[in-house]
Amino acid sequence: MAISVAAVRENPALLKLDLYCKGARLDMASLGGGGTGRGLLRTRAGLGSGLEVVLPGGLWTNVPVLEAFAQRSPYEFQGDGDGLRLMRDGEYVTTVSLSPRPAWYDQATSSGKPMMRVGTLQGTYLGVYPAKVCDYWVTPEKTNCHFCSVGLNLGVDDATEKSVEEVIEVVHAARDGSGITYVDFNTGHYEGDTYLDILEPYIRRIKAETGLLVGVQTPPHHDLSRYDALKAMGVNRVSFCFEIFDRERFREVCPGKDAQYGLDRYLDAIRYCAELGRRSGLSLSDPWVTNGEIVAGLESPESSIAAINWITDAGAIPTVCVFRPLRGTDYESLEPPETEAMIPVFRRLYDACMEHGLPIGCAPNIHVSLVLLPEECAAFSDRPFRWQRAKLAVMRRVFLALHHRAVQAREH
């Protein structure tokens, strides 16, 4: 059943999903002096590329506008004063605002490096890829994940390496200038499993100086006790991107990950870290969340739903990206998934999290532009979950107060 203009007008989550799947054409001539806000950055996030905007309902999103499929989209952004008018097949859909460009983007660190080449806002949180590019991009056989653009971004919109001092300066600037509450570190694979060794000095400084929430997204370390140490030093989120749940498809799409780790090592790490959180109990003053990340659209919707069920059964929260065939990647000629096929996936994302009583949407001021968050997917579900919603509302209020107190304590 085709998705109507009326449907996306009424449901911002459906509009966000439809824009991921279809992209939008961008009428640059009509933008005038407003420009593109934060710019069309190819960040070190392997699926990022587009225009950062805020949709009705306060949903932040990164809309594909550079890729070939976006040039065929029925959607088009047109300049409209300080905002953007979104059209579909010539019919008005809504007006959106560009995600605000922070003043610190145009400042330099004390070393002279532009701050936006050290860290960038992805929605409302700060994303930092502090080390060299993933080794899968530089080995002679080049075994990177075929959808990923990380190796194409290095040295273009993102600096190759960042010192602890440079990152700390940017974190302070982003906290003071943009009100961030969360810093997310991302690395690729490095020989010798050195990724956690690399990240720990950054984590310790941020937790000591700011009290901000910190997350890490790395391959699964062979020594699972390292996650106990991460939790002890104050890390609040660990995320494991196994991407594909279908084992044969996993080998095809992620040859390096399959050869180096295998799907089971990712699943074991998710299970271990989720259990680590259960053993210590839910703490809103010192939260610990485990995410399993998949890419929907590169395997069947049924397999993506099976992944969501497995992740939530383990006590972790799924992160579900929509496949985006980025320019220059191995999969740039593939088509993105159909929106209609993705709706059941994102409906299940919300329902499964609510069935398991997982703490979704509790952290303050975290809006993510590259994915639909589980709580945003409530619009796809017809199930009330009344007591779960009431419980989450209380948790959000308590978490906000405790987080504010922690940040204030570091400042004074």
Protein backbone atom coordinates (compact mmCIF):
# COMPACT_ATOMS: atom_id res chain seq x y z
CA MET A 1 0.00 0.00 0.00
CA ALA A 2 1.50 3.32 -1.08
CA ILE A 3 2.23 5.88 1.63
CA SER A 4 0.24 9.06 1.13
CA VAL A 5 1.21 12.67 1.70
CA ALA A 6 -1.54 12.85 4.33
CA ALA A 7 0.03 9.92 6.22
CA VAL A 8 3.50 11.48 6.45
CA ARG A 9 1.98 14.82 7.43
CA GLU A 10 0.21 13.20 10.36
CA ASN A 11 3.03 10.90 11.47
CA PRO A 12 6.52 12.49 11.82
CA ALA A 13 8.07 9.08 12.54
CA LEU A 14 6.73 7.76 9.24
CA LEU A 15 8.08 10.85 7.51
CA LYS A 16 11.51 10.30 9.09
CA LEU A 17 11.51 6.68 7.92
CA ASP A 18 10.26 7.57 4.44
CA LEU A 19 13.02 10.17 4.05
CA TYR A 20 15.65 7.59 5.06
CA CYS A 21 14.35 5.25 2.38
CA LYS A 22 13.72 7.80 -0.37
CA GLY A 23 16.05 10.70 0.39
CA ALA A 24 15.19 14.12 -0.98
CA ARG A 25 16.30 16.44 -3.72
CA LEU A 26 17.81 19.69 -2.47
CA ASP A 27 17.14 22.92 -4.35
CA MET A 28 20.41 24.67 -3.47
CA ALA A 29 19.52 27.78 -5.49
CA SER A 30 16.50 28.47 -3.30
CA LEU A 31 18.42 28.31 -0.01
CA GLY A 32 19.73 31.85 -0.31
CA GLY A 33 22.04 32.88 2.52
CA GLY A 34 20.70 30.22 4.85
CA GLY A 35 22.96 27.51 3.45
CA THR A 36 22.72 23.96 4.69
CA GLY A 37 23.16 24.58 8.41
CA ARG A 38 25.76 22.11 9.62
CA GLY A 39 26.83 21.32 6.07
CA LEU A 40 26.63 18.09 4.10
CA LEU A 41 29.30 16.20 5.99
CA ARG A 42 30.57 12.72 5.35
CA THR A 43 31.19 11.99 9.01
CA ARG A 44 33.07 8.97 10.29
CA ALA A 45 29.70 7.37 11.02
CA GLY A 46 29.61 4.74 8.30
CA LEU A 47 26.03 5.53 7.21
CA GLY A 48 26.01 9.32 7.49
CA SER A 49 26.01 11.72 4.56
CA GLY A 50 23.10 14.08 4.40
CA LEU A 51 21.23 17.18 5.47
CA GLU A 52 20.58 17.56 9.20
CA VAL A 53 17.08 18.87 9.88
CA VAL A 54 14.46 18.86 12.62
CA LEU A 55 11.06 17.49 11.63
CA PRO A 56 7.72 18.26 13.23
CA GLY A 57 7.41 16.63 16.64
CA GLY A 58 11.05 17.44 17.40
CA LEU A 59 12.44 14.48 15.44
CA TRP A 60 16.02 15.14 14.36
CA THR A 61 17.12 13.43 11.19
CA ASN A 62 19.87 13.19 8.61
CA VAL A 63 18.25 13.11 5.17
CA PRO A 64 20.10 11.61 2.19
CA VAL A 65 20.48 14.32 -0.47
CA LEU A 66 23.80 13.49 -2.14
CA GLU A 67 23.19 9.95 -3.35
CA ALA A 68 21.84 8.84 -6.72
CA PHE A 69 18.62 7.45 -5.27
CA ALA A 70 17.91 10.82 -3.61
CA GLN A 71 18.00 12.54 -7.00
CA ARG A 72 15.03 10.37 -8.02
CA SER A 73 13.12 11.07 -4.81
CA PRO A 74 9.56 12.42 -4.86
CA TYR A 75 10.65 14.69 -1.99
CA GLU A 76 12.34 18.05 -2.48
CA PHE A 77 13.63 20.62 -0.01
CA GLN A 78 13.08 24.24 -0.99
CA GLY A 79 14.22 27.35 0.82
CA ASP A 80 11.55 29.06 2.93
CA GLY A 81 12.97 31.97 4.91
CA ASP A 82 14.81 30.60 7.93
CA GLY A 83 13.41 27.12 7.34
CA LEU A 84 12.91 24.62 4.55
CA ARG A 85 9.72 23.70 2.78
CA LEU A 86 9.42 19.97 2.13
CA MET A 87 7.48 19.07 -1.01
CA ARG A 88 6.46 15.66 -2.34
CA ASP A 89 5.57 15.38 -6.02
CA GLY A 90 4.94 19.12 -5.98
CA GLU A 91 2.59 18.92 -2.98
CA TYR A 92 3.44 20.68 0.28
CA VAL A 93 4.21 18.28 3.16
CA THR A 94 5.57 20.41 5.97
CA THR A 95 8.12 23.04 6.95
CA VAL A 96 11.26 21.89 8.73
CA SER A 97 14.17 23.70 10.31
CA LEU A 98 17.84 23.17 9.66
CA SER A 99 19.68 21.69 12.61
CA PRO A 100 21.46 24.70 14.13
CA ARG A 101 25.11 25.12 13.27
CA PRO A 102 27.02 25.70 16.52
CA ALA A 103 29.44 28.61 16.76
CA TRP A 104 32.18 26.29 18.00
CA TYR A 105 32.20 24.45 14.64
CA ASP A 106 34.13 27.42 13.22
CA GLN A 107 36.57 27.68 16.11
CA ALA A 108 39.95 25.99 16.41
CA THR A 109 41.51 23.95 19.19
CA SER A 110 44.67 25.25 20.85
CA SER A 111 46.61 23.04 18.42
CA GLY A 112 45.00 24.90 15.50
CA LYS A 113 42.76 22.06 14.33
CA PRO A 114 39.19 23.04 13.35
CA MET A 115 36.88 21.78 16.07
CA MET A 116 34.40 20.27 13.63
CA ARG A 117 37.20 17.99 12.38
CA VAL A 118 37.58 16.63 15.90
CA GLY A 119 33.93 16.02 16.77
CA THR A 120 30.56 16.66 15.14
CA LEU A 121 27.00 16.85 16.36
CA GLN A 122 24.83 13.97 15.18
CA GLY A 123 21.45 15.22 16.24
CA THR A 124 22.10 16.62 19.72
CA TYR A 125 25.00 14.46 20.88
CA LEU A 126 28.72 14.73 20.12
CA GLY A 127 30.21 11.97 17.99
CA VAL A 128 33.99 11.43 18.04
CA TYR A 129 36.06 8.93 16.05
CA PRO A 130 39.40 9.58 17.76
CA ALA A 131 41.80 7.14 16.11
CA LYS A 132 42.94 5.99 12.70
CA VAL A 133 40.63 4.45 10.15
CA CYS A 134 39.42 0.88 10.61
CA ASP A 135 42.13 -1.61 9.62
CA TYR A 136 39.73 -3.37 7.26
CA TRP A 137 40.11 -0.40 4.89
CA VAL A 138 43.92 -0.51 4.73
CA THR A 139 44.73 -4.21 4.50
CA PRO A 140 45.77 -5.41 1.03
CA GLU A 141 42.60 -7.49 0.67
CA LYS A 142 40.36 -4.59 1.88
CA THR A 143 37.76 -6.46 3.93
CA ASN A 144 35.63 -3.52 5.09
CA CYS A 145 31.87 -3.84 5.48
CA HIS A 146 30.50 -3.21 1.99
CA PHE A 147 27.95 -0.55 3.00
CA CYS A 148 30.40 1.46 5.11
CA SER A 149 31.91 4.84 4.15
CA VAL A 150 34.32 5.29 7.08
CA GLY A 151 37.42 4.88 4.93
CA LEU A 152 36.15 7.46 2.43
CA ASN A 153 35.63 10.15 5.07
CA LEU A 154 39.05 10.08 6.71
CA GLY A 155 40.93 13.29 6.06
CA VAL A 156 37.99 14.80 4.12
CA ASP A 157 35.47 16.02 6.68
CA ASP A 158 37.16 14.33 9.62
CA ALA A 159 40.73 14.55 10.95
CA THR A 160 42.77 11.37 10.93
CA GLU A 161 43.64 11.37 14.64
CA LYS A 162 42.76 13.55 17.63
CA SER A 163 44.68 14.01 20.85
CA VAL A 164 43.03 13.76 24.25
CA GLU A 165 43.52 17.50 24.74
CA GLU A 166 41.88 18.32 21.41
CA VAL A 167 38.88 16.14 22.18
CA ILE A 168 38.51 17.58 25.70
CA GLU A 169 38.51 21.11 24.29
CA VAL A 170 35.77 20.19 21.83
CA VAL A 171 33.73 18.40 24.51
CA HIS A 172 33.81 21.51 26.69
CA ALA A 173 32.90 23.72 23.72
CA ALA A 174 30.01 21.43 22.75
CA ARG A 175 28.73 21.27 26.32
CA ASP A 176 28.91 25.03 26.81
CA GLY A 177 27.73 26.02 23.33
CA SER A 178 25.31 23.25 22.39
CA GLY A 179 24.19 21.86 25.73
CA ILE A 180 25.24 18.28 24.94
CA THR A 181 24.62 15.61 27.56
CA TYR A 182 26.28 12.68 25.78
CA VAL A 183 29.57 11.93 23.99
CA ASP A 184 29.81 8.86 21.76
CA PHE A 185 33.15 7.32 20.78
CA ASN A 186 33.41 5.09 17.74
CA THR A 187 36.33 3.04 16.47
CA GLY A 188 36.90 0.40 13.85
CA HIS A 189 38.91 -2.80 14.07
CA TYR A 190 42.60 -2.54 14.98
CA GLU A 191 45.03 -5.42 15.13
CA GLY A 192 45.66 -6.49 18.69
CA ASP A 193 42.24 -5.40 20.00
CA THR A 194 43.69 -2.01 20.98
CA TYR A 195 40.48 0.00 20.57
CA LEU A 196 39.55 0.08 24.26
CA ASP A 197 43.14 0.97 25.22
CA ILE A 198 42.89 3.93 22.85
CA LEU A 199 39.57 5.16 24.23
CA GLU A 200 40.16 4.89 27.96
CA PRO A 201 42.24 8.10 28.38
CA TYR A 202 39.50 10.12 26.65
CA ILE A 203 36.80 8.54 28.79
CA ARG A 204 38.59 9.17 32.07
CA ARG A 205 39.16 12.85 31.29
CA ILE A 206 35.57 13.48 30.19
CA LYS A 207 34.05 11.75 33.20
CA ALA A 208 36.40 13.55 35.60
CA GLU A 209 35.90 17.02 34.13
CA THR A 210 32.30 17.12 32.92
CA GLY A 211 30.06 14.40 34.31
CA LEU A 212 28.61 13.92 30.81
CA LEU A 213 27.24 10.59 29.68
CA VAL A 214 29.76 8.61 27.61
CA GLY A 215 29.28 5.70 25.22
CA VAL A 216 31.63 3.53 23.19
CA GLN A 217 31.02 1.66 19.97
CA THR A 218 33.81 -0.78 19.13
CA PRO A 219 34.26 -4.37 18.03
CA PRO A 220 33.78 -6.94 20.84
CA HIS A 221 36.93 -7.29 22.92
CA HIS A 222 38.17 -10.84 23.42
CA ASP A 223 38.55 -10.18 27.16
CA LEU A 224 35.00 -9.56 28.31
CA SER A 225 36.17 -8.40 31.75
CA ARG A 226 37.28 -5.19 30.03
CA TYR A 227 33.61 -4.17 30.05
CA ASP A 228 33.51 -4.47 33.82
CA ALA A 229 36.41 -2.01 33.86
CA LEU A 230 34.62 0.33 31.45
CA LYS A 231 31.56 0.33 33.66
CA ALA A 232 33.69 1.02 36.72
CA MET A 233 35.27 4.07 35.08
CA GLY A 234 31.83 5.50 34.34
CA VAL A 235 30.99 4.46 30.79
CA ASN A 236 27.21 4.56 30.32
CA ARG A 237 26.68 2.77 27.02
CA VAL A 238 28.38 0.06 25.01
CA SER A 239 27.25 -0.71 21.48
CA PHE A 240 28.15 -3.61 19.25
CA CYS A 241 27.46 -3.28 15.51
CA PHE A 242 27.06 -6.78 14.14
CA GLU A 243 24.93 -5.28 11.34
CA ILE A 244 23.39 -8.48 9.95
CA PHE A 245 21.68 -11.35 11.82
CA ASP A 246 21.46 -13.78 8.92
CA ARG A 247 24.75 -15.67 9.13
CA GLU A 248 25.28 -16.21 5.40
CA ARG A 249 24.44 -12.59 4.67
CA PHE A 250 26.73 -11.48 7.52
CA ARG A 251 29.65 -13.21 5.79
CA GLU A 252 28.81 -11.49 2.50
CA VAL A 253 28.27 -7.98 3.82
CA CYS A 254 30.92 -7.88 6.58
CA PRO A 255 33.83 -10.09 5.46
CA GLY A 256 36.35 -8.58 7.88
CA LYS A 257 34.08 -8.85 10.89
CA ASP A 258 33.17 -12.41 9.94
CA ALA A 259 36.80 -13.51 9.59
CA GLN A 260 38.15 -11.65 12.63
CA TYR A 261 35.32 -12.04 15.15
CA GLY A 262 32.39 -13.99 13.81
CA LEU A 263 28.77 -13.23 14.62
CA ASP A 264 28.82 -15.26 17.83
CA ARG A 265 31.51 -13.09 19.40
CA TYR A 266 29.33 -10.03 18.89
CA LEU A 267 26.33 -11.79 20.37
CA ASP A 268 28.37 -13.06 23.32
CA ALA A 269 29.55 -9.52 24.09
CA ILE A 270 26.00 -8.16 23.95
CA ARG A 271 24.76 -10.91 26.24
CA TYR A 272 27.65 -10.40 28.70
CA CYS A 273 27.25 -6.61 28.89
CA ALA A 274 23.48 -6.80 29.27
CA GLU A 275 23.94 -9.27 32.11
CA LEU A 276 26.54 -6.97 33.65
CA GLY A 277 23.86 -4.30 33.80
CA ARG A 278 21.35 -6.71 35.32
CA ARG A 279 23.79 -7.83 38.01
CA SER A 280 24.47 -4.28 39.12
CA GLY A 281 20.79 -3.27 38.90
CA LEU A 282 19.22 -0.32 37.12
CA SER A 283 20.82 2.91 38.32
CA LEU A 284 19.58 6.25 37.05
CA SER A 285 22.49 8.01 38.73
CA ASP A 286 25.06 5.78 36.98
CA PRO A 287 23.25 4.19 34.01
CA TRP A 288 24.61 1.32 31.93
CA VAL A 289 22.96 0.44 28.62
CA THR A 290 23.92 -2.19 26.06
CA ASN A 291 23.00 -1.80 22.39
CA GLY A 292 23.09 -4.27 19.54
CA GLU A 293 23.17 -2.46 16.20
CA ILE A 294 21.82 -3.75 12.90
CA VAL A 295 21.32 -2.36 9.39
CA ALA A 296 17.80 -2.95 8.09
CA GLY A 297 17.46 -3.30 4.35
CA LEU A 298 20.45 -5.57 3.77
CA GLU A 299 18.67 -8.70 4.92
CA SER A 300 15.02 -9.68 4.97
CA PRO A 301 12.67 -7.76 7.28
CA GLU A 302 11.96 -11.08 9.00
CA SER A 303 15.66 -11.49 9.81
CA SER A 304 15.86 -7.93 11.14
CA ILE A 305 12.85 -8.63 13.36
CA ALA A 306 14.53 -11.84 14.57
CA ALA A 307 17.59 -9.76 15.48
CA ILE A 308 15.43 -7.30 17.42
CA ASN A 309 13.83 -10.17 19.31
CA TRP A 310 17.20 -11.72 20.14
CA ILE A 311 18.69 -8.41 21.33
CA THR A 312 15.74 -7.52 23.56
CA ASP A 313 15.50 -11.08 24.93
CA ALA A 314 19.13 -10.63 26.01
CA GLY A 315 18.20 -7.43 27.86
CA ALA A 316 19.84 -5.05 25.40
CA ILE A 317 18.30 -2.28 23.30
CA PRO A 318 18.44 -2.55 19.50
CA THR A 319 19.77 0.26 17.36
CA VAL A 320 18.30 -0.11 13.88
CA CYS A 321 19.83 1.83 10.98
CA VAL A 322 18.26 2.00 7.52
CA PHE A 323 20.63 0.98 4.74
CA ARG A 324 21.82 3.98 2.77
CA PRO A 325 23.76 3.30 -0.47
CA LEU A 326 26.42 5.96 0.01
CA ARG A 327 28.51 7.35 -2.83
CA GLY A 328 31.84 5.61 -3.27
CA THR A 329 30.96 2.56 -1.20
CA ASP A 330 30.86 -0.98 -2.51
CA TYR A 331 27.07 -0.90 -2.31
CA GLU A 332 26.48 2.54 -3.86
CA SER A 333 24.59 1.02 -6.79
CA LEU A 334 22.11 -0.88 -4.62
CA GLU A 335 18.66 0.49 -3.87
CA PRO A 336 17.59 1.49 -0.36
CA PRO A 337 14.76 -0.54 1.17
CA GLU A 338 11.10 0.21 0.59
CA THR A 339 9.47 2.13 3.42
CA GLU A 340 6.51 -0.26 3.53
CA ALA A 341 8.88 -3.18 4.21
CA MET A 342 10.57 -1.28 7.06
CA ILE A 343 7.44 -0.33 8.99
CA PRO A 344 6.99 -3.78 10.62
CA VAL A 345 10.68 -3.74 11.63
CA PHE A 346 10.38 -0.44 13.44
CA ARG A 347 7.01 -1.38 14.93
CA ARG A 348 8.66 -4.46 16.41
CA LEU A 349 11.57 -2.33 17.68
CA TYR A 350 9.20 -0.32 19.87
CA ASP A 351 6.97 -3.20 20.92
CA ALA A 352 9.87 -5.47 21.90
CA CYS A 353 11.54 -2.77 24.00
CA MET A 354 8.28 -2.05 25.81
CA GLU A 355 7.50 -5.74 26.36
CA HIS A 356 10.86 -6.18 28.09
CA GLY A 357 10.59 -2.97 30.12
CA LEU A 358 13.81 -1.56 28.66
CA PRO A 359 14.76 2.03 29.61
CA ILE A 360 14.22 3.72 26.25
CA GLY A 361 14.15 7.48 25.90
CA CYS A 362 15.28 8.16 29.47
CA ALA A 363 18.53 10.04 28.88
CA PRO A 364 18.07 13.83 28.70
CA ASN A 365 18.48 15.79 25.46
CA ILE A 366 19.56 12.93 23.24
CA HIS A 367 18.08 13.17 19.78
CA VAL A 368 19.72 10.98 17.14
CA SER A 369 19.67 11.98 13.49
CA LEU A 370 21.01 8.79 11.89
CA VAL A 371 18.42 6.36 13.28
CA LEU A 372 14.84 6.14 14.47
CA LEU A 373 15.05 5.76 18.23
CA PRO A 374 12.86 3.05 19.78
CA GLU A 375 10.69 5.61 21.57
CA GLU A 376 10.09 7.46 18.29
CA CYS A 377 8.63 4.26 16.85
CA ALA A 378 5.63 4.38 19.20
CA ALA A 379 3.79 5.98 16.28
CA PHE A 380 3.95 2.66 14.40
CA SER A 381 2.36 0.65 17.22
CA ASP A 382 -1.28 0.28 18.17
CA ARG A 383 -0.49 -1.21 21.58
CA PRO A 384 -1.06 1.09 24.58
CA PHE A 385 1.67 -0.06 27.02
CA ARG A 386 0.11 2.26 29.61
CA TRP A 387 2.02 1.20 32.72
CA GLN A 388 5.31 0.97 30.84
CA ARG A 389 4.81 4.52 29.52
CA ALA A 390 4.02 5.79 33.00
CA LYS A 391 7.12 4.12 34.43
CA LEU A 392 9.34 5.59 31.70
CA ALA A 393 7.93 9.07 32.31
CA VAL A 394 8.94 8.86 35.98
CA MET A 395 12.38 7.51 35.06
CA ARG A 396 12.94 10.39 32.64
CA ARG A 397 12.19 12.99 35.31
CA VAL A 398 14.46 11.32 37.87
CA PHE A 399 17.27 10.80 35.34
CA LEU A 400 17.13 14.46 34.28
CA ALA A 401 17.45 15.67 37.87
CA LEU A 402 20.30 13.28 38.69
CA HIS A 403 22.20 14.09 35.51
CA HIS A 404 21.88 17.84 36.13
CA ARG A 405 23.21 17.33 39.66
CA ALA A 406 26.20 15.30 38.38
CA VAL A 407 27.15 17.96 35.82
CA GLN A 408 26.77 20.76 38.36
CA ALA A 409 29.06 18.89 40.78
CA ARG A 410 31.85 18.78 38.17
CA GLU A 411 31.44 22.46 37.37
CA HIS A 412 31.81 23.50 40.99
